[in-house]
Amino acid sequence: MQFKYLLSALSGVMFMWVGSAAQAEALKADPAWQEGKLENGFKWQILATPHRPSDKIEVRLEVHAGSLQEGIQQTGFSYLLPHLAMEKTDSYESEEIQSLLPLITPETEPKSLVEVSYDYTRYNLSLPTNKPELLKEAFGWLSEAVSPPTASNGLIQLMSNDPLSPLITFPAGVNDAWWHYRIKNSPLVGHEPGRPIAEGATAERLNEFYLKWYTPDSMTLYVVGNVDRRAMVEQINKSFGGLSGKRLTPATIAALSALPATPVNFLSQGVEKDRLKLVWDDPWHPIVTKLSLERQWLSMIANDMIANRLNQKMGRGSAKNAALDFACQIQFQRYHCDLTIDTPLAAMKNNLKLVAAELVKLEKEGVTDAEFNTLLAEQKEQLAQIISTYAKTDTAQIMAQRLLAEKSGSITVSPESYQELRQKFLDGLDLMTVNTRINRLLTIKPTLVLTQPAGEPEENVRVLSEQLEAIMAPKADEAK
């Protein structure tokens, strides 16, 4: 079993998710990241790495608008704009663009040139160092990609019928039954990215969408790599300083509602095996303080201990045909942790029973001194290598973690500050504190989600839920 924090960087090195301690000392942002804003409101952030001359230059331009901003007659416009820009712009003919795009599209994740989500549209560029002419060309095309569209009605209709470029991607799973259930009672309903372009779409409607949402004050450019910061700022001003407009309508916030406790099951074309999830769902309230950072670290340690115990238990042969995974993620104003059990239906009840029994044991008894000391030693060993680890981290990873931190409203601290804060936290950690946190986590009732391959006889998930409830929260007379 792997225990993954989708919100972490370098196992929690740079990403700071924090709670609600108003009086706590604020974290100090990494001064290596330089930030600025043009007169038109266009924002930029640069991390220059001249000490790493072979670093690639990673560029991300994020427009804070996506499918959530599309009206009824504007469906598909969030990806139509970049689709048009990848075909032709004012200064770049189709042949020139087709020659340029392979040179600037990332080879590592994300491999797409443009990502379109509910609340953002992001342009991803990856460039080799020491090629100033290519950088100039890339910025020239990028600035025109976010400039007012000049397409005719005929071209829009033609593009509406053409296959979408594979260089434009959408979030995975937006059409799954589980996701449709998850977004119930939220603003995201009916705004799934990638819907067909509205019938009868016109240049006038597209321009209205652009003018309303593609304003420079809603754009942020991120650059990481071996660049000259002053020269880069000049290039940014030259390329994007001419954009005009100001956002007058607040964008709808992409937020999920709380996950109901009712167990649910789905038949899906997207899975080949039976999959059972225990989902713990909580609201997310980010405030960047040292105290609440330590609370998050404590939760991560507790979750690691739970994952290690389950891994040991299920790996001793007591579980049949079962694969477990534990992952936590911040997503649209919610923080959820999923314990996933991939196992055939025939073995599901038995494997769920084993997992539940071990969770109850952890809730009541906690982990042992030996388990705690082993994990603590591992954490301290990783911490000792943090500076050298960060030095080997490529620019694409650094960029990805910066974007995650920005999305969460969190602070990115320097590796040196992280090392100091983390060392103090680990030095002050004790077994009782960890076990208290484990107990608190496991007293929260999870939601049971069962996904089965399409065509399989539908299992009654309520039976599984009642089984889990009977083990983890037995009635008073049964518990005697």
Protein backbone atom coordinates (compact mmCIF):
# COMPACT_ATOMS: atom_id res chain seq x y z
CA MET A 1 0.00 0.00 0.00
CA GLN A 2 1.21 3.49 -0.80
CA PHE A 3 0.27 6.44 1.36
CA LYS A 4 0.16 9.52 -0.83
CA TYR A 5 -0.36 13.18 -0.10
CA LEU A 6 -1.48 14.66 -3.38
CA LEU A 7 -1.10 18.05 -1.73
CA SER A 8 2.53 17.57 -0.70
CA ALA A 9 5.82 18.40 -2.31
CA LEU A 10 8.90 16.31 -1.56
CA SER A 11 6.84 14.40 1.04
CA GLY A 12 5.58 17.62 2.56
CA VAL A 13 8.65 19.75 2.03
CA MET A 14 7.29 22.86 0.37
CA PHE A 15 3.53 22.63 0.54
CA MET A 16 1.94 24.21 3.58
CA TRP A 17 -1.70 23.49 4.39
CA VAL A 18 -2.75 25.07 7.66
CA GLY A 19 -5.68 25.47 10.02
CA SER A 20 -7.33 28.24 12.00
CA ALA A 21 -5.06 29.78 14.62
CA ALA A 22 -5.55 33.51 14.30
CA GLN A 23 -2.94 34.43 16.94
CA ALA A 24 -0.23 32.07 15.69
CA GLU A 25 2.97 33.32 14.11
CA ALA A 26 2.69 33.62 10.34
CA LEU A 27 4.97 31.66 8.03
CA LYS A 28 7.51 33.61 6.02
CA ALA A 29 7.35 33.19 2.27
CA ASP A 30 10.39 31.94 0.37
CA PRO A 31 12.24 35.13 -0.71
CA ALA A 32 13.70 33.31 -3.72
CA TRP A 33 10.30 33.68 -5.39
CA GLN A 34 10.03 37.21 -6.78
CA GLU A 35 6.56 38.61 -7.45
CA GLY A 36 5.25 41.63 -9.28
CA LYS A 37 2.33 43.18 -11.15
CA LEU A 38 2.07 45.21 -14.34
CA GLU A 39 0.07 48.44 -14.54
CA ASN A 40 -2.83 46.58 -16.19
CA GLY A 41 -3.08 44.16 -13.23
CA PHE A 42 -1.24 41.26 -14.89
CA LYS A 43 0.68 39.38 -12.14
CA TRP A 44 3.93 37.44 -12.37
CA GLN A 45 6.05 35.19 -10.13
CA ILE A 46 9.63 34.18 -10.96
CA LEU A 47 12.04 31.70 -9.37
CA ALA A 48 15.39 32.18 -11.09
CA THR A 49 17.91 29.33 -10.75
CA PRO A 50 21.22 30.62 -12.17
CA HIS A 51 23.07 28.22 -9.87
CA ARG A 52 21.53 25.37 -11.90
CA PRO A 53 22.60 26.23 -15.47
CA SER A 54 21.10 23.11 -17.06
CA ASP A 55 17.59 23.75 -15.69
CA LYS A 56 14.79 23.90 -18.20
CA ILE A 57 12.59 26.98 -18.14
CA GLU A 58 9.07 26.14 -17.06
CA VAL A 59 6.38 28.71 -17.85
CA ARG A 60 2.75 28.60 -16.72
CA LEU A 61 0.18 31.23 -17.58
CA GLU A 62 -2.99 30.79 -15.57
CA VAL A 63 -6.22 32.55 -16.45
CA HIS A 64 -8.60 32.44 -13.50
CA ALA A 65 -11.56 31.38 -15.60
CA GLY A 66 -12.76 28.00 -16.80
CA SER A 67 -15.89 26.05 -17.61
CA LEU A 68 -17.60 27.34 -14.47
CA GLN A 69 -17.79 30.76 -16.11
CA GLU A 70 -19.56 29.48 -19.24
CA GLY A 71 -23.18 30.53 -19.73
CA ILE A 72 -25.81 28.41 -21.47
CA GLN A 73 -24.89 29.79 -24.90
CA GLN A 74 -21.17 29.72 -24.11
CA THR A 75 -20.51 26.05 -23.40
CA GLY A 76 -17.11 24.99 -24.65
CA PHE A 77 -15.81 28.56 -24.91
CA SER A 78 -13.21 27.96 -22.17
CA TYR A 79 -11.38 25.54 -24.49
CA LEU A 80 -12.44 27.12 -27.79
CA LEU A 81 -10.23 30.14 -27.07
CA PRO A 82 -6.98 28.14 -26.71
CA HIS A 83 -8.10 25.83 -29.53
CA LEU A 84 -8.31 28.81 -31.87
CA ALA A 85 -4.95 30.13 -30.66
CA MET A 86 -3.31 26.81 -31.51
CA GLU A 87 -4.53 27.13 -35.09
CA LYS A 88 -3.87 30.76 -35.98
CA THR A 89 -3.28 34.16 -34.37
CA ASP A 90 -2.75 37.67 -35.69
CA SER A 91 1.02 37.26 -36.09
CA TYR A 92 1.39 33.50 -36.38
CA GLU A 93 0.13 31.46 -39.31
CA SER A 94 -0.94 27.86 -38.82
CA GLU A 95 2.32 26.44 -40.20
CA GLU A 96 4.42 28.57 -37.85
CA ILE A 97 2.37 27.53 -34.83
CA GLN A 98 2.52 23.86 -35.74
CA SER A 99 6.30 24.14 -35.92
CA LEU A 100 6.52 26.04 -32.63
CA LEU A 101 4.20 24.00 -30.38
CA PRO A 102 6.27 20.75 -30.30
CA LEU A 103 9.28 22.80 -29.17
CA ILE A 104 7.51 24.33 -26.18
CA THR A 105 5.10 21.58 -25.02
CA PRO A 106 6.20 19.88 -21.75
CA GLU A 107 7.62 16.37 -22.09
CA THR A 108 6.88 15.60 -18.43
CA GLU A 109 3.64 16.08 -16.48
CA PRO A 110 1.61 17.95 -17.48
CA LYS A 111 2.22 16.83 -21.05
CA SER A 112 -0.54 19.04 -22.39
CA LEU A 113 0.01 22.55 -23.67
CA VAL A 114 -3.30 23.75 -22.19
CA GLU A 115 -5.31 22.51 -19.20
CA VAL A 116 -8.94 23.60 -18.88
CA SER A 117 -10.64 23.04 -15.53
CA TYR A 118 -13.68 24.41 -13.74
CA ASP A 119 -12.01 27.53 -12.38
CA TYR A 120 -8.90 28.04 -14.47
CA THR A 121 -7.32 27.73 -17.90
CA ARG A 122 -3.60 27.09 -17.75
CA TYR A 123 -1.04 27.34 -20.55
CA ASN A 124 1.99 25.10 -19.95
CA LEU A 125 5.29 25.82 -21.69
CA SER A 126 8.64 24.08 -21.25
CA LEU A 127 11.74 25.55 -22.87
CA PRO A 128 15.43 24.66 -23.00
CA THR A 129 17.86 27.13 -21.47
CA ASN A 130 20.14 29.33 -23.57
CA LYS A 131 17.67 29.67 -26.46
CA PRO A 132 16.53 33.29 -26.18
CA GLU A 133 14.98 33.36 -29.65
CA LEU A 134 12.73 30.41 -28.84
CA LEU A 135 11.75 32.05 -25.55
CA LYS A 136 10.89 35.24 -27.43
CA GLU A 137 8.78 33.31 -29.95
CA ALA A 138 7.03 31.37 -27.18
CA PHE A 139 6.11 34.55 -25.31
CA GLY A 140 4.96 36.16 -28.54
CA TRP A 141 2.54 33.32 -29.25
CA LEU A 142 1.43 33.07 -25.62
CA SER A 143 0.58 36.77 -25.44
CA GLU A 144 -1.55 36.44 -28.57
CA ALA A 145 -3.21 33.29 -27.22
CA VAL A 146 -4.69 35.38 -24.40
CA SER A 147 -5.43 38.43 -26.57
CA PRO A 148 -8.90 39.16 -28.02
CA PRO A 149 -9.98 36.45 -30.51
CA THR A 150 -10.34 37.43 -34.17
CA ALA A 151 -12.08 34.30 -35.46
CA SER A 152 -15.03 34.53 -37.84
CA ASN A 153 -18.35 32.73 -37.40
CA GLY A 154 -17.36 30.32 -40.15
CA LEU A 155 -14.06 29.41 -38.49
CA ILE A 156 -15.80 28.89 -35.14
CA GLN A 157 -18.30 26.50 -36.72
CA LEU A 158 -15.48 24.68 -38.47
CA MET A 159 -13.53 24.35 -35.22
CA SER A 160 -16.66 23.16 -33.40
CA ASN A 161 -16.85 20.18 -35.74
CA ASP A 162 -13.14 19.39 -35.73
CA PRO A 163 -11.58 16.93 -33.24
CA LEU A 164 -10.08 18.70 -30.25
CA SER A 165 -6.30 18.92 -30.16
CA PRO A 166 -4.67 16.32 -27.87
CA LEU A 167 -2.59 19.20 -26.49
CA ILE A 168 -5.71 20.44 -24.65
CA THR A 169 -6.73 18.35 -21.63
CA PHE A 170 -9.44 18.36 -18.97
CA PRO A 171 -9.56 16.96 -15.42
CA ALA A 172 -9.77 13.18 -15.36
CA GLY A 173 -13.02 11.56 -14.33
CA VAL A 174 -15.37 14.52 -14.77
CA ASN A 175 -17.90 12.27 -16.52
CA ASP A 176 -17.74 9.44 -13.97
CA ALA A 177 -20.88 8.59 -12.00
CA TRP A 178 -18.95 9.08 -8.75
CA TRP A 179 -17.91 12.61 -9.70
CA HIS A 180 -21.45 13.53 -10.76
CA TYR A 181 -22.61 12.35 -7.34
CA ARG A 182 -19.80 14.23 -5.60
CA ILE A 183 -20.63 17.61 -7.15
CA LYS A 184 -24.33 17.48 -6.25
CA ASN A 185 -25.58 20.67 -4.60
CA SER A 186 -22.47 22.55 -5.73
CA PRO A 187 -21.90 25.27 -8.35
CA LEU A 188 -19.95 22.76 -10.44
CA VAL A 189 -23.08 20.88 -11.58
CA GLY A 190 -23.64 21.25 -15.31
CA HIS A 191 -20.28 22.92 -15.90
CA GLU A 192 -18.08 19.91 -16.61
CA PRO A 193 -15.03 20.96 -18.67
CA GLY A 194 -14.98 19.71 -22.24
CA ARG A 195 -18.69 19.87 -23.03
CA PRO A 196 -19.50 20.30 -26.76
CA ILE A 197 -19.28 23.85 -28.03
CA ALA A 198 -22.67 25.58 -27.95
CA GLU A 199 -24.70 25.12 -31.11
CA GLY A 200 -24.75 28.30 -33.16
CA ALA A 201 -21.71 29.76 -31.39
CA THR A 202 -20.76 33.12 -32.85
CA ALA A 203 -17.73 35.38 -32.82
CA GLU A 204 -19.77 38.01 -30.99
CA ARG A 205 -20.65 35.67 -28.11
CA LEU A 206 -17.07 34.42 -27.92
CA ASN A 207 -15.79 37.98 -27.73
CA GLU A 208 -18.27 38.75 -24.95
CA PHE A 209 -16.98 35.74 -22.99
CA TYR A 210 -13.39 36.86 -23.54
CA LEU A 211 -13.96 40.48 -22.51
CA LYS A 212 -15.75 39.41 -19.34
CA TRP A 213 -13.31 36.77 -18.10
CA TYR A 214 -9.96 37.06 -19.95
CA THR A 215 -8.90 40.32 -18.31
CA PRO A 216 -5.21 40.87 -17.43
CA ASP A 217 -6.02 41.25 -13.72
CA SER A 218 -7.26 37.65 -13.79
CA MET A 219 -3.98 36.31 -15.19
CA THR A 220 -0.81 35.17 -13.41
CA LEU A 221 2.41 34.11 -15.11
CA TYR A 222 4.80 31.73 -13.32
CA VAL A 223 8.40 31.18 -14.45
CA VAL A 224 10.91 28.72 -12.95
CA GLY A 225 14.37 28.07 -14.37
CA ASN A 226 17.72 29.47 -15.41
CA VAL A 227 16.61 32.94 -16.45
CA ASP A 228 17.78 36.49 -15.86
CA ARG A 229 15.03 37.95 -13.69
CA ARG A 230 15.38 41.52 -14.92
CA ALA A 231 15.38 40.47 -18.56
CA MET A 232 12.38 38.25 -17.89
CA VAL A 233 10.42 41.08 -16.27
CA GLU A 234 11.15 43.24 -19.32
CA GLN A 235 9.93 40.45 -21.60
CA ILE A 236 6.76 40.01 -19.54
CA ASN A 237 6.02 43.73 -19.69
CA LYS A 238 6.63 43.80 -23.43
CA SER A 239 4.48 40.75 -24.11
CA PHE A 240 1.58 41.29 -21.72
CA GLY A 241 1.64 44.99 -20.83
CA GLY A 242 -0.62 45.80 -23.79
CA LEU A 243 -3.52 43.64 -22.56
CA SER A 244 -6.48 45.69 -21.38
CA GLY A 245 -9.69 45.28 -19.45
CA LYS A 246 -10.72 44.76 -15.86
CA ARG A 247 -12.81 42.07 -14.25
CA LEU A 248 -16.13 43.56 -13.16
CA THR A 249 -18.05 40.37 -12.36
CA PRO A 250 -16.77 38.20 -9.49
CA ALA A 251 -16.13 34.63 -10.59
CA THR A 252 -18.22 31.89 -9.00
CA ILE A 253 -16.11 30.03 -6.45
CA ALA A 254 -15.54 26.38 -7.30
CA ALA A 255 -16.54 24.69 -4.04
CA LEU A 256 -17.83 21.23 -3.20
CA SER A 257 -20.51 20.65 -0.60
CA ALA A 258 -19.95 18.24 2.28
CA LEU A 259 -19.99 14.57 1.32
CA PRO A 260 -23.12 12.87 2.73
CA ALA A 261 -22.51 9.98 5.12
CA THR A 262 -24.92 7.75 3.18
CA PRO A 263 -23.09 4.82 1.50
CA VAL A 264 -23.26 4.78 -2.30
CA ASN A 265 -22.34 2.44 -5.12
CA PHE A 266 -21.85 2.89 -8.86
CA LEU A 267 -21.41 0.80 -11.97
CA SER A 268 -18.66 2.33 -14.10
CA GLN A 269 -17.02 1.74 -17.47
CA GLY A 270 -13.88 3.31 -16.05
CA VAL A 271 -12.90 0.49 -13.66
CA GLU A 272 -11.92 -3.11 -14.29
CA LYS A 273 -11.93 -4.25 -10.65
CA ASP A 274 -14.27 -3.85 -7.71
CA ARG A 275 -13.18 -0.88 -5.65
CA LEU A 276 -14.30 0.09 -2.16
CA LYS A 277 -13.40 3.45 -0.65
CA LEU A 278 -13.64 4.77 2.88
CA VAL A 279 -13.75 8.54 2.49
CA TRP A 280 -13.15 11.04 5.30
CA ASP A 281 -14.32 14.48 4.13
CA ASP A 282 -13.74 17.80 5.93
CA PRO A 283 -13.88 21.52 5.10
CA TRP A 284 -10.62 23.24 4.27
CA HIS A 285 -9.70 26.52 6.00
CA PRO A 286 -6.22 27.64 4.95
CA ILE A 287 -4.38 30.16 7.14
CA VAL A 288 -0.59 30.28 6.93
CA THR A 289 0.70 30.01 10.53
CA LYS A 290 3.36 27.93 12.22
CA LEU A 291 0.96 26.49 14.77
CA SER A 292 -1.56 25.23 12.27
CA LEU A 293 1.27 23.97 10.06
CA GLU A 294 2.36 21.77 12.96
CA ARG A 295 -1.21 20.53 13.33
CA GLN A 296 -1.19 19.49 9.69
CA TRP A 297 2.16 17.76 10.10
CA LEU A 298 0.77 15.90 13.09
CA SER A 299 -2.17 14.69 10.99
CA MET A 300 0.23 13.54 8.27
CA ILE A 301 2.30 11.61 10.82
CA ALA A 302 -0.84 10.00 12.24
CA ASN A 303 -2.02 9.02 8.76
CA ASP A 304 1.40 7.57 7.97
CA MET A 305 1.19 5.44 11.13
CA ILE A 306 -2.27 4.20 10.16
CA ALA A 307 -1.10 3.39 6.63
CA ASN A 308 1.99 1.53 7.87
CA ARG A 309 -0.06 -0.56 10.29
CA LEU A 310 -2.60 -1.52 7.61
CA ASN A 311 0.18 -2.31 5.19
CA GLN A 312 1.77 -4.68 7.68
CA LYS A 313 -1.53 -6.29 8.61
CA MET A 314 -2.76 -6.81 5.06
CA GLY A 315 0.64 -7.88 3.81
CA ARG A 316 0.91 -10.89 6.11
CA GLY A 317 -1.34 -13.00 3.92
CA SER A 318 -4.53 -12.46 5.90
CA ALA A 319 -6.04 -10.41 3.05
CA LYS A 320 -6.83 -12.23 -0.16
CA ASN A 321 -6.45 -10.50 -3.53
CA ALA A 322 -6.49 -7.05 -1.95
CA ALA A 323 -4.57 -3.91 -2.89
CA LEU A 324 -4.78 -0.92 -0.55
CA ASP A 325 -4.03 2.73 -1.11
CA PHE A 326 -4.34 5.75 1.19
CA ALA A 327 -4.36 9.27 -0.30
CA CYS A 328 -5.29 12.74 0.95
CA GLN A 329 -6.14 15.72 -1.22
CA ILE A 330 -7.40 19.30 -1.13
CA GLN A 331 -10.09 19.76 -3.76
CA PHE A 332 -12.47 22.66 -4.26
CA GLN A 333 -12.56 23.89 -0.65
CA ARG A 334 -12.70 20.35 0.81
CA TYR A 335 -10.00 18.14 2.34
CA HIS A 336 -10.58 14.44 1.97
CA CYS A 337 -8.66 11.24 2.67
CA ASP A 338 -9.51 8.03 0.82
CA LEU A 339 -8.67 4.52 1.97
CA THR A 340 -9.11 2.45 -1.20
CA ILE A 341 -9.48 -1.33 -1.21
CA ASP A 342 -9.29 -3.02 -4.61
CA THR A 343 -10.61 -6.53 -4.10
CA PRO A 344 -13.05 -8.96 -5.77
CA LEU A 345 -16.60 -8.94 -4.39
CA ALA A 346 -16.18 -12.48 -3.11
CA ALA A 347 -13.41 -11.34 -0.75
CA MET A 348 -14.64 -7.82 -0.07
CA LYS A 349 -16.59 -8.46 3.13
CA ASN A 350 -13.72 -10.38 4.68
CA ASN A 351 -11.10 -7.79 3.67
CA LEU A 352 -13.28 -4.93 4.90
CA LYS A 353 -13.66 -6.77 8.19
CA LEU A 354 -9.88 -7.07 8.53
CA VAL A 355 -9.33 -3.38 7.77
CA ALA A 356 -12.09 -2.25 10.13
CA ALA A 357 -10.83 -4.44 12.96
CA GLU A 358 -7.33 -3.00 12.63
CA LEU A 359 -8.67 0.55 12.57
CA VAL A 360 -10.62 -0.13 15.78
CA LYS A 361 -7.48 -1.53 17.38
CA LEU A 362 -5.55 1.59 16.39
CA GLU A 363 -8.29 3.85 17.72
CA LYS A 364 -8.28 2.15 21.11
CA GLU A 365 -4.62 1.23 21.58
CA GLY A 366 -2.71 3.48 19.21
CA VAL A 367 0.66 2.54 17.77
CA THR A 368 3.55 1.06 19.74
CA ASP A 369 6.79 2.70 20.83
CA ALA A 370 8.63 0.65 18.23
CA GLU A 371 6.35 1.79 15.38
CA PHE A 372 6.59 5.41 16.48
CA ASN A 373 10.38 5.38 16.85
CA THR A 374 10.85 3.70 13.46
CA LEU A 375 8.76 6.29 11.65
CA LEU A 376 10.37 9.16 13.57
CA ALA A 377 13.83 7.93 12.59
CA GLU A 378 12.76 7.73 8.94
CA GLN A 379 11.36 11.26 9.06
CA LYS A 380 14.56 12.66 10.58
CA GLU A 381 16.71 10.87 8.02
CA GLN A 382 14.65 12.35 5.19
CA LEU A 383 14.88 15.77 6.79
CA ALA A 384 18.67 15.59 6.97
CA GLN A 385 18.74 15.18 3.19
CA ILE A 386 16.19 17.86 2.42
CA ILE A 387 18.58 20.48 1.01
CA SER A 388 20.32 18.01 -1.30
CA THR A 389 16.96 16.54 -2.32
CA TYR A 390 15.61 19.94 -3.24
CA ALA A 391 18.75 20.73 -5.23
CA LYS A 392 18.02 17.69 -7.42
CA THR A 393 14.36 18.48 -7.92
CA ASP A 394 13.67 19.48 -11.50
CA THR A 395 11.97 22.72 -12.39
CA ALA A 396 8.75 21.02 -13.52
CA GLN A 397 8.27 19.56 -10.03
CA ILE A 398 9.07 22.87 -8.35
CA MET A 399 6.55 24.56 -10.62
CA ALA A 400 3.86 21.95 -9.90
CA GLN A 401 4.22 22.41 -6.16
CA ARG A 402 4.14 26.18 -6.44
CA LEU A 403 0.84 25.96 -8.31
CA LEU A 404 -0.59 23.59 -5.69
CA ALA A 405 0.39 26.00 -2.94
CA GLU A 406 -1.17 28.92 -4.81
CA LYS A 407 -4.41 27.01 -5.32
CA SER A 408 -4.61 26.23 -1.61
CA GLY A 409 -3.87 29.80 -0.52
CA SER A 410 -0.79 28.49 1.26
CA ILE A 411 2.74 29.75 1.83
CA THR A 412 5.83 28.27 0.19
CA VAL A 413 8.75 28.55 2.61
CA SER A 414 12.42 28.17 1.76
CA PRO A 415 14.08 24.75 2.16
CA GLU A 416 16.20 26.18 5.00
CA SER A 417 13.14 27.46 6.89
CA TYR A 418 11.36 24.19 6.29
CA GLN A 419 14.28 22.23 7.70
CA GLU A 420 14.38 24.36 10.84
CA LEU A 421 10.61 24.24 11.45
CA ARG A 422 10.38 20.53 10.76
CA GLN A 423 13.33 19.70 13.04
CA LYS A 424 11.71 21.52 15.97
CA PHE A 425 8.43 19.73 15.30
CA LEU A 426 10.00 16.26 15.20
CA ASP A 427 12.15 16.93 18.27
CA GLY A 428 9.04 17.83 20.28
CA LEU A 429 6.88 14.96 19.05
CA ASP A 430 5.91 12.14 21.44
CA LEU A 431 3.93 8.91 21.26
CA MET A 432 0.99 10.15 23.32
CA THR A 433 0.45 13.14 21.04
CA VAL A 434 0.47 10.93 17.94
CA ASN A 435 -1.90 8.36 19.44
CA THR A 436 -4.28 11.09 20.55
CA ARG A 437 -4.38 12.36 16.99
CA ILE A 438 -4.91 8.85 15.60
CA ASN A 439 -7.80 8.34 18.01
CA ARG A 440 -9.38 11.63 16.95
CA LEU A 441 -9.05 10.82 13.25
CA LEU A 442 -10.56 7.37 13.57
CA THR A 443 -13.58 8.46 15.57
CA ILE A 444 -14.81 10.33 12.47
CA LYS A 445 -17.23 8.16 10.51
CA PRO A 446 -16.16 7.64 6.87
CA THR A 447 -18.48 7.46 3.85
CA LEU A 448 -18.46 4.12 2.04
CA VAL A 449 -18.21 4.31 -1.77
CA LEU A 450 -18.34 1.14 -3.87
CA THR A 451 -17.50 1.21 -7.59
CA GLN A 452 -18.05 -1.89 -9.72
CA PRO A 453 -17.26 -2.66 -13.38
CA ALA A 454 -20.23 -2.09 -15.68
CA GLY A 455 -22.20 -5.26 -16.34
CA GLU A 456 -21.45 -6.83 -12.96
CA PRO A 457 -24.37 -7.68 -10.61
CA GLU A 458 -24.85 -4.70 -8.31
CA GLU A 459 -23.75 -5.27 -4.72
CA ASN A 460 -25.77 -3.87 -1.82
CA VAL A 461 -23.36 -1.33 -0.37
CA ARG A 462 -25.58 -0.81 2.67
CA VAL A 463 -24.74 -4.33 3.83
CA LEU A 464 -21.05 -3.43 3.72
CA SER A 465 -21.75 -0.16 5.54
CA GLU A 466 -23.66 -1.97 8.29
CA GLN A 467 -20.78 -4.42 8.63
CA LEU A 468 -18.30 -1.55 8.98
CA GLU A 469 -20.57 0.23 11.47
CA ALA A 470 -20.98 -2.90 13.57
CA ILE A 471 -17.21 -3.22 13.94
CA MET A 472 -16.16 0.41 14.28
CA ALA A 473 -19.14 1.75 16.24
CA PRO A 474 -20.92 -1.18 17.92
CA LYS A 475 -24.12 -0.53 19.88
CA ALA A 476 -23.78 -0.35 23.67
CA ASP A 477 -25.38 -3.73 24.35
CA GLU A 478 -23.25 -5.42 21.69
CA ALA A 479 -20.06 -3.85 22.95
CA LYS A 480 -20.39 -5.31 26.45
